[in-house]
């Protein structure tokens, strides 16, 4: 199964991510993000951080990924962050820059750092700024843009720099295009909201590719990202208040992908927890200041899952 899946998921070329935070050394290019990665010695998954740099750094230190100077100390550790770095907080730019740098540093050390695309990253590329704070607009206000640009001229002036940064083809949209919506690492699949059977039928690598192409300004918005059943919006495995998780669909997805579980964020939980006999782990614990939660994640080692807190 793994051989067939790997052969079916040959990565497409996307812009490489470079380390702009360390000009004293030559920039190191990362390979394009793949859909399938090999089984790591140890993997830690972290959920939504929503513009809270302090929470993000605390979570990364809990994972053993960084030291107090924000330097990668994880060696061959693999970290997957399941999206929603942006919105609701004032430190998005610093988080995005930190994550880009850690991806380079982890790769150089033999590990990996993958930050996935959540609904809030996608919303920003759509120029949907409903959840942006004043600080979030101020951070990107210095993005250069043509004041005669009709698309930007329709926006309030304080929003134009952010729009120039995040709209398809903009500098931050191009960086986000170096990330996946979904991926498989070892025996686990990762996504912000959830993976449904329809997504598997559609083609998970295709979802990544079309999203990346849209963010680069090369195609229209992928409709697979729209609506409550999309990979970045669905809560069918995590919203216990509305209904029991759809364990039957989950079992079909797990079998089709040849994995043991999927790991999701998006829906705030009291703590990281499992459902459907461990076939889904929910790791959005509302660690950002907006939710007043506590940093927490999960570790996967030798096929066993444990809570990191």
Protein backbone atom coordinates (compact mmCIF):
# COMPACT_ATOMS: atom_id res chain seq x y z
CA UNK A 1 0.00 0.00 0.00
CA UNK A 2 2.73 2.46 0.94
CA UNK A 3 4.68 1.80 -2.24
CA UNK A 4 1.58 2.35 -4.36
CA UNK A 5 0.64 5.47 -2.45
CA UNK A 6 4.12 6.92 -2.75
CA UNK A 7 4.26 6.26 -6.48
CA UNK A 8 0.87 7.86 -6.93
CA UNK A 9 1.88 10.99 -5.04
CA UNK A 10 4.88 12.32 -6.93
CA UNK A 11 5.21 15.96 -5.78
CA UNK A 12 4.72 18.85 -8.17
CA UNK A 13 7.19 21.67 -8.33
CA UNK A 14 6.41 24.56 -5.98
CA UNK A 15 8.49 27.54 -4.84
CA UNK A 16 11.23 26.55 -2.42
CA UNK A 17 11.26 28.15 1.01
CA UNK A 18 14.45 30.00 1.92
CA UNK A 19 15.73 31.28 5.22
CA UNK A 20 15.48 35.07 5.21
CA UNK A 21 16.07 35.32 8.95
CA UNK A 22 19.79 34.45 8.82
CA UNK A 23 21.49 36.64 6.21
CA UNK A 24 24.95 35.79 7.55
CA UNK A 25 24.82 32.36 5.92
CA UNK A 26 23.99 31.28 2.37
CA UNK A 27 20.27 30.58 2.00
CA UNK A 28 19.35 26.90 1.98
CA UNK A 29 16.57 25.84 -0.33
CA UNK A 30 14.07 23.26 0.80
CA UNK A 31 12.82 20.56 -1.53
CA UNK A 32 9.20 20.94 -2.64
CA UNK A 33 6.75 19.63 -0.03
CA UNK A 34 5.72 16.06 -0.72
CA UNK A 35 2.40 14.45 0.11
CA UNK A 36 4.00 11.37 1.69
CA UNK A 37 7.00 11.38 4.02
CA UNK A 38 8.75 8.39 5.56
CA UNK A 39 8.28 7.11 9.08
CA UNK A 40 10.22 9.40 11.46
CA UNK A 41 11.93 8.34 14.67
CA UNK A 42 9.69 10.74 16.59
CA UNK A 43 6.93 13.06 15.43
CA UNK A 44 5.15 15.83 17.32
CA UNK A 45 1.91 17.40 16.08
CA UNK A 46 0.75 20.84 17.24
CA UNK A 47 -2.53 22.63 16.61
CA UNK A 48 -3.76 26.17 15.96
CA UNK A 49 -1.63 29.09 17.24
CA UNK A 50 -3.63 32.06 15.85
CA UNK A 51 -1.17 34.91 16.04
CA UNK A 52 0.15 34.09 19.53
CA UNK A 53 3.93 33.87 19.26
CA UNK A 54 4.42 33.13 22.96
CA UNK A 55 2.09 30.12 22.79
CA UNK A 56 3.72 28.89 19.58
CA UNK A 57 7.19 29.03 21.13
CA UNK A 58 6.02 27.34 24.32
CA UNK A 59 4.51 24.51 22.27
CA UNK A 60 7.69 24.11 20.24
CA UNK A 61 9.78 23.94 23.40
CA UNK A 62 7.42 21.32 24.83
CA UNK A 63 8.00 19.35 21.64
CA UNK A 64 11.76 19.52 22.09
CA UNK A 65 12.04 21.39 18.81
CA UNK A 66 13.60 24.72 19.88
CA UNK A 67 15.59 26.18 22.73
CA UNK A 68 14.98 29.48 24.53
CA UNK A 69 16.76 31.31 21.70
CA UNK A 70 14.29 29.87 19.17
CA UNK A 71 16.99 27.71 17.57
CA UNK A 72 16.19 24.23 16.28
CA UNK A 73 17.48 21.58 18.69
CA UNK A 74 15.23 18.73 17.55
CA UNK A 75 17.76 16.97 15.34
CA UNK A 76 15.80 14.44 13.27
CA UNK A 77 12.51 15.29 15.01
CA UNK A 78 9.56 15.88 12.68
CA UNK A 79 6.99 18.52 13.69
CA UNK A 80 3.65 18.96 11.94
CA UNK A 81 1.60 22.06 12.75
CA UNK A 82 -1.93 21.63 11.45
CA UNK A 83 -2.62 25.18 10.28
CA UNK A 84 -4.17 28.45 11.48
CA UNK A 85 -1.06 30.41 12.17
CA UNK A 86 -2.90 33.61 11.20
CA UNK A 87 -5.79 35.76 12.49
CA UNK A 88 -7.11 36.51 16.00
CA UNK A 89 -3.69 37.68 17.27
CA UNK A 90 -1.14 40.44 16.66
CA UNK A 91 2.02 38.37 16.06
CA UNK A 92 1.21 36.52 12.85
CA UNK A 93 4.15 37.86 10.87
CA UNK A 94 6.65 36.76 13.52
CA UNK A 95 5.05 33.31 13.68
CA UNK A 96 5.12 32.91 9.92
CA UNK A 97 8.74 34.01 9.77
CA UNK A 98 9.69 31.67 12.62
CA UNK A 99 7.98 28.73 10.96
CA UNK A 100 9.67 29.42 7.63
CA UNK A 101 13.07 29.53 9.33
CA UNK A 102 12.45 26.40 11.37
CA UNK A 103 11.50 24.50 8.22
CA UNK A 104 14.94 25.27 6.81
CA UNK A 105 16.84 24.61 10.04
CA UNK A 106 15.03 21.34 10.75
CA UNK A 107 15.73 20.09 7.23
CA UNK A 108 19.41 20.96 7.60
CA UNK A 109 19.55 18.97 10.86
CA UNK A 110 17.93 15.88 9.36
CA UNK A 111 14.43 16.54 10.69
CA UNK A 112 11.44 18.38 9.30
CA UNK A 113 9.00 21.12 10.22
CA UNK A 114 5.73 21.16 8.29
CA UNK A 115 3.16 23.89 8.86
CA UNK A 116 -0.02 23.08 6.97
CA UNK A 117 -2.59 25.45 5.49
CA UNK A 118 -5.67 26.01 7.62
CA UNK A 119 -8.88 27.80 6.80
CA UNK A 120 -7.46 31.08 8.12
CA UNK A 121 -4.43 31.00 5.80
CA UNK A 122 -6.79 30.33 2.90
CA UNK A 123 -9.14 33.11 4.04
CA UNK A 124 -6.29 35.61 3.99
CA UNK A 125 -5.31 34.67 0.44
CA UNK A 126 -8.99 35.14 -0.43
CA UNK A 127 -8.71 38.62 1.17
CA UNK A 128 -11.26 37.63 3.79
CA UNK A 129 -10.01 39.68 6.73
CA UNK A 130 -12.89 39.20 9.17
CA UNK A 131 -10.62 37.88 11.92
CA UNK A 132 -7.62 40.15 11.44
CA UNK A 133 -6.65 42.38 14.37
CA UNK A 134 -5.44 45.98 14.11
CA UNK A 135 -1.95 44.69 14.83
CA UNK A 136 -2.35 42.17 12.05
CA UNK A 137 -3.03 44.93 9.55
CA UNK A 138 -0.19 47.07 10.90
CA UNK A 139 2.40 44.26 10.56
CA UNK A 140 1.92 44.02 6.80
CA UNK A 141 1.25 47.72 6.10
CA UNK A 142 4.73 48.20 4.64
CA UNK A 143 4.18 45.70 1.82
CA UNK A 144 4.84 47.63 -1.44
CA UNK A 145 1.87 47.98 -3.79
CA UNK A 146 0.62 50.10 -6.66
CA UNK A 147 -1.76 52.70 -5.23
CA UNK A 148 -3.57 52.70 -8.56
CA UNK A 149 -4.26 48.96 -8.38
CA UNK A 150 -8.06 48.70 -8.70
CA UNK A 151 -8.30 45.56 -6.57
CA UNK A 152 -6.52 47.20 -3.67
CA UNK A 153 -8.17 50.58 -4.15
CA UNK A 154 -11.51 49.02 -3.21
CA UNK A 155 -10.19 48.24 0.28
CA UNK A 156 -9.77 50.57 3.26
CA UNK A 157 -6.26 52.01 3.16
CA UNK A 158 -5.18 50.24 6.36
CA UNK A 159 -5.94 46.87 4.74
CA UNK A 160 -4.12 47.38 1.45
CA UNK A 161 -0.64 46.33 2.58
CA UNK A 162 -1.96 43.08 4.00
CA UNK A 163 -3.96 42.45 0.85
CA UNK A 164 -0.88 43.04 -1.29
CA UNK A 165 1.06 40.56 0.87
CA UNK A 166 -1.50 37.75 0.91
CA UNK A 167 -3.44 37.94 -2.36
CA UNK A 168 -2.59 35.27 -4.94
CA UNK A 169 0.89 35.97 -6.26
CA UNK A 170 1.73 38.26 -3.34
CA UNK A 171 4.92 37.70 -1.33
CA UNK A 172 3.28 35.89 1.57
CA UNK A 173 0.91 33.96 -0.67
CA UNK A 174 3.97 32.67 -2.53
CA UNK A 175 5.49 31.50 0.74
CA UNK A 176 2.25 29.83 1.79
CA UNK A 177 2.24 28.09 -1.60
CA UNK A 178 5.25 26.16 -0.32
CA UNK A 179 2.97 24.33 2.13
CA UNK A 180 0.44 21.53 1.95
CA UNK A 181 -3.23 21.33 2.88
CA UNK A 182 -2.89 17.62 3.67
CA UNK A 183 -0.04 15.18 4.02
CA UNK A 184 0.93 11.76 5.31
CA UNK A 185 3.93 11.30 7.58
CA UNK A 186 4.69 7.77 8.67
CA UNK A 187 1.45 6.06 9.66
CA UNK A 188 -0.53 9.28 10.22
CA UNK A 189 -2.38 11.69 7.93
CA UNK A 190 -2.53 15.38 8.86
CA UNK A 191 -5.02 18.09 7.87
CA UNK A 192 -6.58 21.14 9.46
CA UNK A 193 -10.26 20.13 9.42
CA UNK A 194 -10.62 16.56 8.20
CA UNK A 195 -10.28 14.15 5.31
CA UNK A 196 -13.54 12.74 3.94
CA UNK A 197 -14.02 9.90 1.44
CA UNK A 198 -14.91 12.48 -1.24
CA UNK A 199 -11.53 14.14 -0.72
CA UNK A 200 -9.76 10.82 -1.23
CA UNK A 201 -11.76 10.27 -4.42
CA UNK A 202 -10.91 13.79 -5.59
CA UNK A 203 -7.20 13.14 -5.01
CA UNK A 204 -5.34 14.50 -2.00
CA UNK A 205 -2.14 15.44 -3.89
CA UNK A 206 -4.38 17.27 -6.39
CA UNK A 207 -5.91 19.31 -3.56
CA UNK A 208 -2.40 20.36 -2.51
CA UNK A 209 -1.34 21.13 -6.07
CA UNK A 210 -4.42 23.17 -6.98
CA UNK A 211 -4.25 25.13 -3.73
CA UNK A 212 -0.58 25.94 -4.28
CA UNK A 213 -1.24 26.94 -7.90
CA UNK A 214 -4.07 29.25 -6.80
CA UNK A 215 -1.87 30.88 -4.17
CA UNK A 216 0.77 31.50 -6.83
CA UNK A 217 -1.86 33.20 -8.99
CA UNK A 218 -1.86 30.46 -11.63
CA UNK A 219 -5.47 29.23 -11.39
CA UNK A 220 -8.86 30.06 -9.91
CA UNK A 221 -9.81 29.27 -6.33
CA UNK A 222 -10.21 25.49 -5.86
CA UNK A 223 -13.85 24.83 -5.01
CA UNK A 224 -12.82 21.77 -2.98
CA UNK A 225 -11.73 24.26 -0.29
CA UNK A 226 -15.23 25.76 -0.01
CA UNK A 227 -18.02 24.83 2.33
CA UNK A 228 -18.47 22.90 5.55
CA UNK A 229 -17.32 19.64 3.95
CA UNK A 230 -13.95 20.93 2.77
CA UNK A 231 -10.65 19.64 4.22
CA UNK A 232 -10.04 22.97 5.96
CA UNK A 233 -13.58 23.56 7.29
CA UNK A 234 -15.14 20.20 8.16
CA UNK A 235 -15.70 19.28 11.81
CA UNK A 236 -17.21 15.82 11.28
CA UNK A 237 -14.51 14.17 13.36
CA UNK A 238 -14.15 16.82 16.04
CA UNK A 239 -17.41 18.61 16.89
CA UNK A 240 -18.92 16.42 19.60
CA UNK A 241 -21.38 19.12 20.62
CA UNK A 242 -23.29 18.74 17.37
CA UNK A 243 -23.07 15.01 16.78
CA UNK A 244 -20.90 11.97 17.33
CA UNK A 245 -17.88 11.80 15.05
CA UNK A 246 -18.47 10.13 11.69
CA UNK A 247 -16.38 7.08 12.55
CA UNK A 248 -17.63 5.07 9.57
CA UNK A 249 -16.33 7.63 7.04
CA UNK A 250 -13.14 7.94 9.03
CA UNK A 251 -12.56 4.19 8.90
CA UNK A 252 -12.95 4.28 5.11
CA UNK A 253 -10.42 7.10 4.83
CA UNK A 254 -7.89 5.43 7.11
CA UNK A 255 -8.14 2.21 5.12
CA UNK A 256 -7.88 3.98 1.76
CA UNK A 257 -4.76 5.87 2.82
CA UNK A 258 -3.15 2.89 4.52
CA UNK A 259 -2.60 4.86 7.74
CA UNK A 260 -3.44 4.25 11.39
CA UNK A 261 -4.99 7.63 12.13
CA UNK A 262 -5.64 11.17 11.00
CA UNK A 263 -4.70 14.21 13.08
CA UNK A 264 -6.81 17.38 12.92
CA UNK A 265 -6.98 20.86 14.39
CA UNK A 266 -9.64 23.53 13.73
CA UNK A 267 -12.10 22.72 16.54
CA UNK A 268 -11.09 23.71 20.05
CA UNK A 269 -10.91 20.87 22.58
CA UNK A 270 -10.29 20.97 26.33
CA UNK A 271 -7.17 18.88 25.69
CA UNK A 272 -5.68 16.76 22.92
CA UNK A 273 -7.82 13.65 22.64
CA UNK A 274 -8.72 10.68 20.46
CA UNK A 275 -12.01 9.33 19.12
CA UNK A 276 -13.19 6.45 16.95
CA UNK A 277 -10.85 3.95 18.62
CA UNK A 278 -7.87 6.20 18.11
CA UNK A 279 -8.38 6.68 14.38
CA UNK A 280 -8.63 10.45 14.85
CA UNK A 281 -6.70 12.71 17.19
CA UNK A 282 -8.02 16.26 17.80
CA UNK A 283 -5.19 18.63 18.75
CA UNK A 284 -6.58 22.19 18.60
CA UNK A 285 -6.50 23.01 22.33
CA UNK A 286 -7.09 26.73 21.94
CA UNK A 287 -3.52 27.52 23.00
CA UNK A 288 -3.65 31.07 21.59
CA UNK A 289 -4.39 33.95 23.95
CA UNK A 290 -7.68 34.53 22.12
CA UNK A 291 -8.95 31.24 23.62
CA UNK A 292 -6.90 31.37 26.84
CA UNK A 293 -5.80 27.76 26.43
CA UNK A 294 -2.60 25.94 27.36
CA UNK A 295 -0.01 24.68 24.82
CA UNK A 296 -0.30 20.96 24.22
CA UNK A 297 0.29 18.50 21.41
CA UNK A 298 0.80 14.84 20.69
CA UNK A 299 3.90 12.74 20.08
CA UNK A 300 3.95 9.67 17.83
CA UNK A 301 6.80 7.25 18.37
CA UNK A 302 7.00 3.57 17.42
CA UNK A 303 3.34 3.72 16.41
CA UNK A 304 2.24 4.90 19.87
CA UNK A 305 0.55 8.24 20.56
CA UNK A 306 1.04 10.23 23.74
CA UNK A 307 -0.01 13.70 24.85
CA UNK A 308 2.75 16.31 25.13
CA UNK A 309 2.00 18.86 27.87
